C-alpha atoms as a PDB file:
ATOM      1  CA  MET A   1      24.867   4.761   7.992  1.00  0.00           C
ATOM      2  CA  ILE A   2      21.669   3.567   6.245  1.00  0.00           C
ATOM      3  CA  ARG A   3      19.047   5.467   7.284  1.00  0.00           C
ATOM      4  CA  VAL A   4      15.800   3.443   8.286  1.00  0.00           C
ATOM      5  CA  ASN A   5      12.469   5.580   7.991  1.00  0.00           C
ATOM      6  CA  LEU A   6      10.222   4.956  10.824  1.00  0.00           C
ATOM      7  CA  GLU A   7       6.790   5.410   9.851  1.00  0.00           C
ATOM      8  CA  VAL A   8       4.505   5.403  13.516  1.00  0.00           C
ATOM      9  CA  CYS A   9       0.343   5.405  12.988  1.00  0.00           C
ATOM     10  CA  VAL A  10      -1.860   7.314  15.141  1.00  0.00           C
ATOM     11  CA  ASP A  11      -5.607   8.144  15.991  1.00  0.00           C
ATOM     12  CA  THR A  12      -5.171  11.115  17.910  1.00  0.00           C
ATOM     13  CA  ILE A  13      -3.477  14.722  17.583  1.00  0.00           C
ATOM     14  CA  GLU A  14      -1.570  13.929  21.036  1.00  0.00           C
ATOM     15  CA  GLY A  15      -0.059  10.484  19.240  1.00  0.00           C
ATOM     16  CA  ALA A  16       0.869  12.423  16.451  1.00  0.00           C
ATOM     17  CA  VAL A  17       2.235  15.073  18.484  1.00  0.00           C
ATOM     18  CA  ILE A  18       4.651  12.229  20.376  1.00  0.00           C
ATOM     19  CA  ALA A  19       5.258  10.601  17.243  1.00  0.00           C
ATOM     20  CA  GLU A  20       6.639  13.679  15.864  1.00  0.00           C
ATOM     21  CA  LYS A  21       8.877  14.780  18.548  1.00  0.00           C
ATOM     22  CA  TYR A  22      10.252  11.720  19.555  1.00  0.00           C
ATOM     23  CA  GLY A  23      11.432  10.200  16.364  1.00  0.00           C
ATOM     24  CA  ALA A  24       9.220   9.089  13.823  1.00  0.00           C
ATOM     25  CA  ASP A  25      10.137  10.329  10.233  1.00  0.00           C
ATOM     26  CA  ARG A  26       6.509   9.924   8.925  1.00  0.00           C
ATOM     27  CA  ILE A  27       3.280   9.227  10.534  1.00  0.00           C
ATOM     28  CA  GLU A  28      -0.061   7.224   9.115  1.00  0.00           C
ATOM     29  CA  LEU A  29      -2.584   9.544  10.392  1.00  0.00           C
ATOM     30  CA  CYS A  30      -6.014   6.965  11.212  1.00  0.00           C
ATOM     31  CA  ALA A  31      -8.939   7.316  13.180  1.00  0.00           C
ATOM     32  CA  ALA A  32     -10.018   3.739  15.528  1.00  0.00           C
ATOM     33  CA  LEU A  33      -6.210   1.955  15.264  1.00  0.00           C
ATOM     34  CA  SER A  34      -8.378  -0.745  17.098  1.00  0.00           C
ATOM     35  CA  GLU A  35     -10.216  -1.145  14.092  1.00  0.00           C
ATOM     36  CA  GLY A  36      -7.033  -1.375  11.821  1.00  0.00           C
ATOM     37  CA  GLY A  37      -7.108   2.317  11.103  1.00  0.00           C
ATOM     38  CA  LEU A  38     -10.075   3.734   9.373  1.00  0.00           C
ATOM     39  CA  THR A  39     -10.139   6.901   7.614  1.00  0.00           C
ATOM     40  CA  PRO A  40      -9.325  10.512   9.957  1.00  0.00           C
ATOM     41  CA  SER A  41     -11.432  13.004  10.297  1.00  0.00           C
ATOM     42  CA  THR A  42     -11.332  16.128   8.500  1.00  0.00           C
ATOM     43  CA  GLY A  43     -10.377  18.228  11.669  1.00  0.00           C
ATOM     44  CA  LEU A  44      -7.941  15.663  12.336  1.00  0.00           C
ATOM     45  CA  MET A  45      -6.328  15.707   9.171  1.00  0.00           C
ATOM     46  CA  SER A  46      -6.310  19.762   9.215  1.00  0.00           C
ATOM     47  CA  ALA A  47      -4.587  19.691  11.988  1.00  0.00           C
ATOM     48  CA  ALA A  48      -2.120  17.282  11.698  1.00  0.00           C
ATOM     49  CA  SER A  49      -0.511  18.946   8.187  1.00  0.00           C
ATOM     50  CA  GLU A  50       0.804  21.606  10.532  1.00  0.00           C
ATOM     51  CA  LEU A  51       3.343  19.094  12.111  1.00  0.00           C
ATOM     52  CA  SER A  52       6.940  19.474  10.834  1.00  0.00           C
ATOM     53  CA  VAL A  53       7.184  15.844   9.370  1.00  0.00           C
ATOM     54  CA  PRO A  54       4.768  14.045   6.304  1.00  0.00           C
ATOM     55  CA  VAL A  55       1.681  13.132   7.446  1.00  0.00           C
ATOM     56  CA  TYR A  56      -0.037  10.530   5.342  1.00  0.00           C
ATOM     57  CA  ALA A  57      -3.664  10.044   5.692  1.00  0.00           C
ATOM     58  CA  MET A  58      -5.487   6.361   6.074  1.00  0.00           C
ATOM     59  CA  ILE A  59      -8.208   6.070   3.293  1.00  0.00           C
ATOM     60  CA  ARG A  60     -10.400   3.288   4.481  1.00  0.00           C
ATOM     61  CA  PRO A  61     -14.496   3.425   5.034  1.00  0.00           C
ATOM     62  CA  ARG A  62     -15.245   1.067   7.285  1.00  0.00           C
ATOM     63  CA  SER A  63     -12.931  -2.030   8.747  1.00  0.00           C
ATOM     64  CA  GLY A  64     -13.454  -5.712   7.879  1.00  0.00           C
ATOM     65  CA  ASN A  65     -11.835  -6.708   4.344  1.00  0.00           C
ATOM     66  CA  PHE A  66     -10.760  -4.851   1.349  1.00  0.00           C
ATOM     67  CA  SER A  67     -13.205  -5.289  -1.083  1.00  0.00           C
ATOM     68  CA  TYR A  68     -15.763  -2.076  -1.378  1.00  0.00           C
ATOM     69  CA  SER A  69     -18.735  -1.483  -3.100  1.00  0.00           C
ATOM     70  CA  GLU A  70     -19.746   1.186  -5.610  1.00  0.00           C
ATOM     71  CA  ALA A  71     -20.745   3.826  -2.546  1.00  0.00           C
ATOM     72  CA  GLU A  72     -17.505   2.879  -0.594  1.00  0.00           C
ATOM     73  CA  LYS A  73     -15.587   3.821  -3.649  1.00  0.00           C
ATOM     74  CA  SER A  74     -17.114   7.329  -4.515  1.00  0.00           C
ATOM     75  CA  LEU A  75     -16.704   7.718  -0.171  1.00  0.00           C
ATOM     76  CA  MET A  76     -13.148   6.920  -0.894  1.00  0.00           C
ATOM     77  CA  LEU A  77     -12.246   9.547  -4.235  1.00  0.00           C
ATOM     78  CA  ARG A  78     -13.566  11.927  -1.844  1.00  0.00           C
ATOM     79  CA  ASP A  79     -11.723  11.535   1.426  1.00  0.00           C
ATOM     80  CA  ILE A  80      -8.421  11.711  -0.810  1.00  0.00           C
ATOM     81  CA  GLN A  81      -9.489  14.587  -1.951  1.00  0.00           C
ATOM     82  CA  ILE A  82     -10.288  15.821   1.365  1.00  0.00           C
ATOM     83  CA  ALA A  83      -6.692  14.666   2.227  1.00  0.00           C
ATOM     84  CA  GLU A  84      -5.234  16.930   0.229  1.00  0.00           C
ATOM     85  CA  ASP A  85      -7.256  19.589   0.359  1.00  0.00           C
ATOM     86  CA  THR A  86      -5.984  19.865   3.606  1.00  0.00           C
ATOM     87  CA  GLY A  87      -2.485  19.707   3.230  1.00  0.00           C
ATOM     88  CA  LEU A  88      -1.490  16.503   4.192  1.00  0.00           C
ATOM     89  CA  ASP A  89       1.186  14.957   2.258  1.00  0.00           C
ATOM     90  CA  GLY A  90       0.435  11.792   1.072  1.00  0.00           C
ATOM     91  CA  ILE A  91      -2.114   8.811   1.186  1.00  0.00           C
ATOM     92  CA  VAL A  92      -2.734   5.173   2.509  1.00  0.00           C
ATOM     93  CA  ILE A  93      -5.408   2.582   0.756  1.00  0.00           C
ATOM     94  CA  GLY A  94      -5.690  -0.276  -0.708  1.00  0.00           C
ATOM     95  CA  ALA A  95      -8.702  -2.331  -2.553  1.00  0.00           C
ATOM     96  CA  VAL A  96      -8.487  -6.062  -3.457  1.00  0.00           C
ATOM     97  CA  SER A  97     -10.911  -7.820  -6.064  1.00  0.00           C
ATOM     98  CA  PRO A  98     -12.870 -11.050  -5.677  1.00  0.00           C
ATOM     99  CA  GLU A  99     -10.009 -13.118  -7.169  1.00  0.00           C
ATOM    100  CA  ARG A 100      -7.600 -11.481  -4.423  1.00  0.00           C
ATOM    101  CA  ARG A 101      -5.780  -9.103  -6.560  1.00  0.00           C
ATOM    102  CA  LEU A 102      -5.178  -5.592  -6.525  1.00  0.00           C
ATOM    103  CA  ASP A 103      -8.673  -4.117  -7.897  1.00  0.00           C
ATOM    104  CA  LEU A 104      -6.797  -2.778 -10.462  1.00  0.00           C
ATOM    105  CA  ASP A 105      -9.814  -0.321 -11.933  1.00  0.00           C
ATOM    106  CA  PHE A 106     -10.601   1.184  -8.626  1.00  0.00           C
ATOM    107  CA  LEU A 107      -6.943   1.670  -7.249  1.00  0.00           C
ATOM    108  CA  SER A 108      -5.778   2.963 -11.020  1.00  0.00           C
ATOM    109  CA  ALA A 109      -8.829   5.966 -10.457  1.00  0.00           C
ATOM    110  CA  ALA A 110      -8.027   6.922  -7.153  1.00  0.00           C
ATOM    111  CA  LEU A 111      -4.353   7.317  -7.815  1.00  0.00           C
ATOM    112  CA  GLY A 112      -4.911   9.101 -10.782  1.00  0.00           C
ATOM    113  CA  ARG A 113      -7.073  12.211  -9.029  1.00  0.00           C
ATOM    114  CA  THR A 114      -4.873  12.871  -6.696  1.00  0.00           C
ATOM    115  CA  ARG A 115      -1.095  14.372  -6.754  1.00  0.00           C
ATOM    116  CA  LEU A 116      -0.487  13.235  -3.505  1.00  0.00           C
ATOM    117  CA  PRO A 117       2.051  10.098  -3.016  1.00  0.00           C
ATOM    118  CA  ALA A 118       0.052   6.911  -1.818  1.00  0.00           C
ATOM    119  CA  THR A 119       1.638   3.989   0.295  1.00  0.00           C
ATOM    120  CA  LEU A 120      -0.606   0.362  -0.298  1.00  0.00           C
ATOM    121  CA  HIS A 121      -2.068  -0.849   2.910  1.00  0.00           C
ATOM    122  CA  ARG A 122      -1.675  -4.129   4.468  1.00  0.00           C
ATOM    123  CA  ALA A 123      -4.545  -5.798   2.081  1.00  0.00           C
ATOM    124  CA  PHE A 124      -1.092  -6.378  -0.040  1.00  0.00           C
ATOM    125  CA  ASP A 125      -0.884  -9.214   2.984  1.00  0.00           C
ATOM    126  CA  THR A 126      -4.777 -10.595   1.424  1.00  0.00           C
ATOM    127  CA  LEU A 127      -3.313 -11.325  -1.794  1.00  0.00           C
ATOM    128  CA  THR A 128      -2.690 -14.640  -3.157  1.00  0.00           C
ATOM    129  CA  ASP A 129       0.159 -13.709  -5.354  1.00  0.00           C
ATOM    130  CA  VAL A 130       3.335 -11.679  -3.842  1.00  0.00           C
ATOM    131  CA  SER A 131       5.153 -11.418  -7.154  1.00  0.00           C
ATOM    132  CA  ALA A 132       1.963  -9.853  -8.954  1.00  0.00           C
ATOM    133  CA  GLY A 133       0.823  -8.058  -5.746  1.00  0.00           C
ATOM    134  CA  VAL A 134       4.188  -6.065  -6.318  1.00  0.00           C
ATOM    135  CA  GLU A 135       4.350  -6.007  -9.824  1.00  0.00           C
ATOM    136  CA  ASP A 136       0.645  -4.525  -9.733  1.00  0.00           C
ATOM    137  CA  ALA A 137       1.898  -2.203  -7.222  1.00  0.00           C
ATOM    138  CA  VAL A 138       4.377  -1.143  -9.360  1.00  0.00           C
ATOM    139  CA  GLY A 139       2.455  -0.257 -12.486  1.00  0.00           C
ATOM    140  CA  LEU A 140      -0.167   1.828 -10.283  1.00  0.00           C
ATOM    141  CA  GLY A 141       2.549   4.034  -8.991  1.00  0.00           C
ATOM    142  CA  PHE A 142       2.337   3.069  -5.351  1.00  0.00           C
ATOM    143  CA  GLU A 143       5.332   4.978  -3.123  1.00  0.00           C
ATOM    144  CA  ARG A 144       5.618   1.473  -0.856  1.00  0.00           C
ATOM    145  CA  ILE A 145       3.948  -1.275   0.391  1.00  0.00           C
ATOM    146  CA  LEU A 146       3.157  -1.896   3.667  1.00  0.00           C
ATOM    147  CA  THR A 147       2.928  -5.986   4.684  1.00  0.00           C
ATOM    148  CA  SER A 148       3.934  -8.130   7.525  1.00  0.00           C
ATOM    149  CA  GLY A 149       4.560 -10.747   5.494  1.00  0.00           C
ATOM    150  CA  HIS A 150       1.154 -11.800   5.146  1.00  0.00           C
ATOM    151  CA  ALA A 151       1.312 -12.589   8.944  1.00  0.00           C
ATOM    152  CA  LEU A 152      -0.583 -11.612  11.682  1.00  0.00           C
ATOM    153  CA  ARG A 153       2.873 -10.562  13.308  1.00  0.00           C
ATOM    154  CA  ALA A 154       5.807  -9.213  10.929  1.00  0.00           C
ATOM    155  CA  GLU A 155       8.212 -11.773  12.858  1.00  0.00           C
ATOM    156  CA  LEU A 156       6.091 -14.348  11.809  1.00  0.00           C
ATOM    157  CA  GLY A 157       6.182 -13.440   8.279  1.00  0.00           C
ATOM    158  CA  LEU A 158      10.368 -12.930   7.095  1.00  0.00           C
ATOM    159  CA  ASP A 159      10.088 -14.716   4.460  1.00  0.00           C
ATOM    160  CA  ILE A 160       7.635 -13.506   2.572  1.00  0.00           C
ATOM    161  CA  LEU A 161       8.572  -9.772   3.245  1.00  0.00           C
ATOM    162  CA  ALA A 162      12.028 -10.975   2.208  1.00  0.00           C
ATOM    163  CA  GLU A 163      10.740 -11.990  -0.841  1.00  0.00           C
ATOM    164  CA  THR A 164       8.326  -8.703  -1.514  1.00  0.00           C
ATOM    165  CA  VAL A 165      11.669  -7.017  -1.187  1.00  0.00           C
ATOM    166  CA  SER A 166      13.154  -9.436  -4.235  1.00  0.00           C
ATOM    167  CA  CYS A 167      10.347  -8.651  -5.902  1.00  0.00           C
ATOM    168  CA  ALA A 168      10.045  -5.049  -5.740  1.00  0.00           C
ATOM    169  CA  LYS A 169      13.632  -4.527  -6.682  1.00  0.00           C
ATOM    170  CA  GLY A 170      13.857  -0.968  -4.959  1.00  0.00           C
ATOM    171  CA  ARG A 171      11.115  -0.156  -7.445  1.00  0.00           C
ATOM    172  CA  LEU A 172       9.143   0.724  -4.212  1.00  0.00           C
ATOM    173  CA  SER A 173       9.889   0.565  -0.768  1.00  0.00           C
ATOM    174  CA  VAL A 174       9.327  -2.229   1.399  1.00  0.00           C
ATOM    175  CA  MET A 175       7.932  -1.215   4.537  1.00  0.00           C
ATOM    176  CA  ALA A 176       7.122  -4.285   7.306  1.00  0.00           C
ATOM    177  CA  GLY A 177       4.212  -3.531  10.303  1.00  0.00           C
ATOM    178  CA  ALA A 178       2.625  -5.487  12.711  1.00  0.00           C
ATOM    179  CA  GLY A 179       3.796  -6.089  16.004  1.00  0.00           C
ATOM    180  CA  ILE A 180       7.373  -4.762  15.798  1.00  0.00           C
ATOM    181  CA  THR A 181       8.700  -3.425  18.687  1.00  0.00           C
ATOM    182  CA  SER A 182      12.028  -2.039  19.927  1.00  0.00           C
ATOM    183  CA  GLU A 183      12.634  -5.323  21.296  1.00  0.00           C
ATOM    184  CA  ASN A 184      12.344  -7.451  17.302  1.00  0.00           C
ATOM    185  CA  ALA A 185      13.107  -3.874  14.997  1.00  0.00           C
ATOM    186  CA  SER A 186      16.925  -4.755  14.390  1.00  0.00           C
ATOM    187  CA  MET A 187      15.565  -8.879  13.535  1.00  0.00           C
ATOM    188  CA  ILE A 188      12.856  -7.719  11.600  1.00  0.00           C
ATOM    189  CA  LEU A 189      15.497  -5.505   9.649  1.00  0.00           C
ATOM    190  CA  CYS A 190      18.309  -7.525   9.044  1.00  0.00           C
ATOM    191  CA  ARG A 191      16.867 -10.807   8.268  1.00  0.00           C
ATOM    192  CA  SER A 192      14.057  -9.380   5.765  1.00  0.00           C
ATOM    193  CA  ARG A 193      16.270  -6.535   4.237  1.00  0.00           C
ATOM    194  CA  VAL A 194      13.227  -4.059   4.799  1.00  0.00           C
ATOM    195  CA  ASP A 195      13.659  -0.584   3.628  1.00  0.00           C
ATOM    196  CA  GLU A 196      11.308   1.173   6.059  1.00  0.00           C
ATOM    197  CA  LEU A 197       9.495   0.282   9.380  1.00  0.00           C
ATOM    198  CA  HIS A 198       5.858   0.536  10.926  1.00  0.00           C
ATOM    199  CA  ALA A 199       4.565   0.539  14.323  1.00  0.00           C
ATOM    200  CA  SER A 200       2.351   1.865  16.789  1.00  0.00           C
ATOM    201  CA  CYS A 201       4.660   2.287  19.255  1.00  0.00           C
ATOM    202  CA  SER A 202       1.107   2.141  21.805  1.00  0.00           C
ATOM    203  CA  VAL A 203       0.410   1.253  25.346  1.00  0.00           C
ATOM    204  CA  GLN A 204      -2.357   0.164  26.901  1.00  0.00           C
ATOM    205  CA  HIS A 205      -3.561   2.320  30.300  1.00  0.00           C
ATOM    206  CA  PRO A 206      -6.180   0.574  32.729  1.00  0.00           C
ATOM    207  CA  PRO A 207      -9.218   2.964  32.733  1.00  0.00           C
ATOM    208  CA  SER A 208      -8.461   5.464  35.608  1.00  0.00           C
ATOM    209  CA  PRO A 209     -11.228   6.060  38.397  1.00  0.00           C
ATOM    210  CA  SER A 210     -12.982   8.287  36.783  1.00  0.00           C
ATOM    211  CA  ASP A 211     -13.338   6.484  34.167  1.00  0.00           C
ATOM    212  CA  GLY A 212     -16.148   4.184  36.204  1.00  0.00           C
ATOM    213  CA  VAL A 213     -19.218   5.254  34.214  1.00  0.00           C
ATOM    214  CA  GLU A 214     -17.530   5.282  30.514  1.00  0.00           C
ATOM    215  CA  THR A 215     -16.473   1.673  31.547  1.00  0.00           C
ATOM    216  CA  ARG A 216     -20.131   0.370  32.907  1.00  0.00           C
ATOM    217  CA  LEU A 217     -22.146   1.552  29.521  1.00  0.00           C
ATOM    218  CA  GLY A 218     -19.429   0.386  27.483  1.00  0.00           C
ATOM    219  CA  PHE A 219     -17.179   3.349  26.220  1.00  0.00           C
ATOM    220  CA  VAL A 220     -14.329   2.808  27.679  1.00  0.00           C
ATOM    221  CA  PRO A 221     -13.385  -0.664  27.628  1.00  0.00           C
ATOM    222  CA  THR A 222     -12.652  -2.542  30.863  1.00  0.00           C
ATOM    223  CA  SER A 223      -8.902  -3.495  29.384  1.00  0.00           C
ATOM    224  CA  GLY A 224      -8.268  -0.039  29.412  1.00  0.00           C
ATOM    225  CA  LEU A 225      -7.320   2.428  26.461  1.00  0.00           C
ATOM    226  CA  MET A 226      -4.198   2.768  23.790  1.00  0.00           C
ATOM    227  CA  SER A 227      -2.077   5.746  23.241  1.00  0.00           C
ATOM    228  CA  THR A 228       1.413   6.620  21.898  1.00  0.00           C
ATOM    229  CA  SER A 229       4.137   6.086  23.886  1.00  0.00           C
ATOM    230  CA  ALA A 230       6.796   8.734  23.501  1.00  0.00           C
ATOM    231  CA  LYS A 231       9.126   5.809  25.233  1.00  0.00           C
ATOM    232  CA  SER A 232       8.429   3.701  23.090  1.00  0.00           C
ATOM    233  CA  VAL A 233       8.948   5.761  19.802  1.00  0.00           C
ATOM    234  CA  GLN A 234      11.897   6.576  21.405  1.00  0.00           C
ATOM    235  CA  ALA A 235      12.879   3.053  22.118  1.00  0.00           C
ATOM    236  CA  LEU A 236      12.276   2.178  18.497  1.00  0.00           C
ATOM    237  CA  ARG A 237      13.873   5.198  16.940  1.00  0.00           C
ATOM    238  CA  ALA A 238      17.084   3.923  18.677  1.00  0.00           C
ATOM    239  CA  ALA A 239      16.963   0.423  18.416  1.00  0.00           C
ATOM    240  CA  VAL A 240      16.795   1.402  14.390  1.00  0.00           C
ATOM    241  CA  GLU A 241      19.827   2.816  14.702  1.00  0.00           C
ATOM    242  CA  ASN A 242      21.623   0.851  16.718  1.00  0.00           C
ATOM    243  CA  SER A 243      20.983  -2.137  14.985  1.00  0.00           C
ATOM    244  CA  PHE A 244      22.661  -0.097  11.821  1.00  0.00           C
ATOM    245  CA  THR A 245      25.259   0.813  13.666  1.00  0.00           C
ATOM    246  CA  ASN A 246      26.145  -2.109  15.195  1.00  0.00           C
ATOM    247  CA  SER A 247      26.818  -3.856  11.835  1.00  0.00           C
ATOM    248  CA  ASP A 248      29.065  -1.256  10.054  1.00  0.00           C
END
C-alpha cells in the first residue's frame, strides 16, 4: 500500500505532542497559526526537538506577503541557524520577487547556509507561473512544495495541484494543504495525485467563563481559540490510509 505522509501544523507544544501521538508523520512548527504561521520561539523549537517525529520550523518573520526587506531576510537567516542549533529536522520557507517569481538570490543563500532540508511553503501559491515555480524550487534544492493549488482551499485547486505534480515529475514531493479534512482527503489524493497532505487538524473552543476578562480585553477572541484535535488527527490519518486500501 502507498504511504502518504501526513504533516500537521501546530503552534503550541501541546499541539505538537498530540500530533505526534495520534498519527502525524511530520510536524510543521509555527507561532500564530491564526496569521498563517510565523517563526516559532527558540524555546518552542527546543522543546519540539525532543519529539519522535521530524519537526520542521516555519521561517516567516511576519504575516502578510512574501516579499521581504533586507532586515527581514537577515532575521530569517538567524532563525534558520536557531532551528538548526536547537536540533530540528528541517525548515519551511519561501520568498517572492516583485515579478512574482521565487526570490532566487535570497532562497539560494538561505538554503545554502544550512544542512537542514527545506519545504517551500504556500508562497508558491502566489507565483504567476506554476511550471517555472516548480523548476526554480527543484533548482534551489527544496525537498517539497506545500500548495493549495493557488486556491483558498486545496479542494478548489485540484487542477493546479495535478499540474504541479506533473511538472515535478518526482523530483520533489508535492504536498497539498489548506482545508484538508478527513472528509475530503481521499478525493484530493485521488484527483490530484499529490504525494503528501498537510493540515492543522484543529477545532475551535468557545471562550470559557474563566476567560471573561481576557475576552473583554481582546486577548481571547469572542469566537474562541483554536487547538490541535487528537480526534481530527486520528480521523485524517485513517482517511488517508482507507483511501488507498479501498483503491487496491
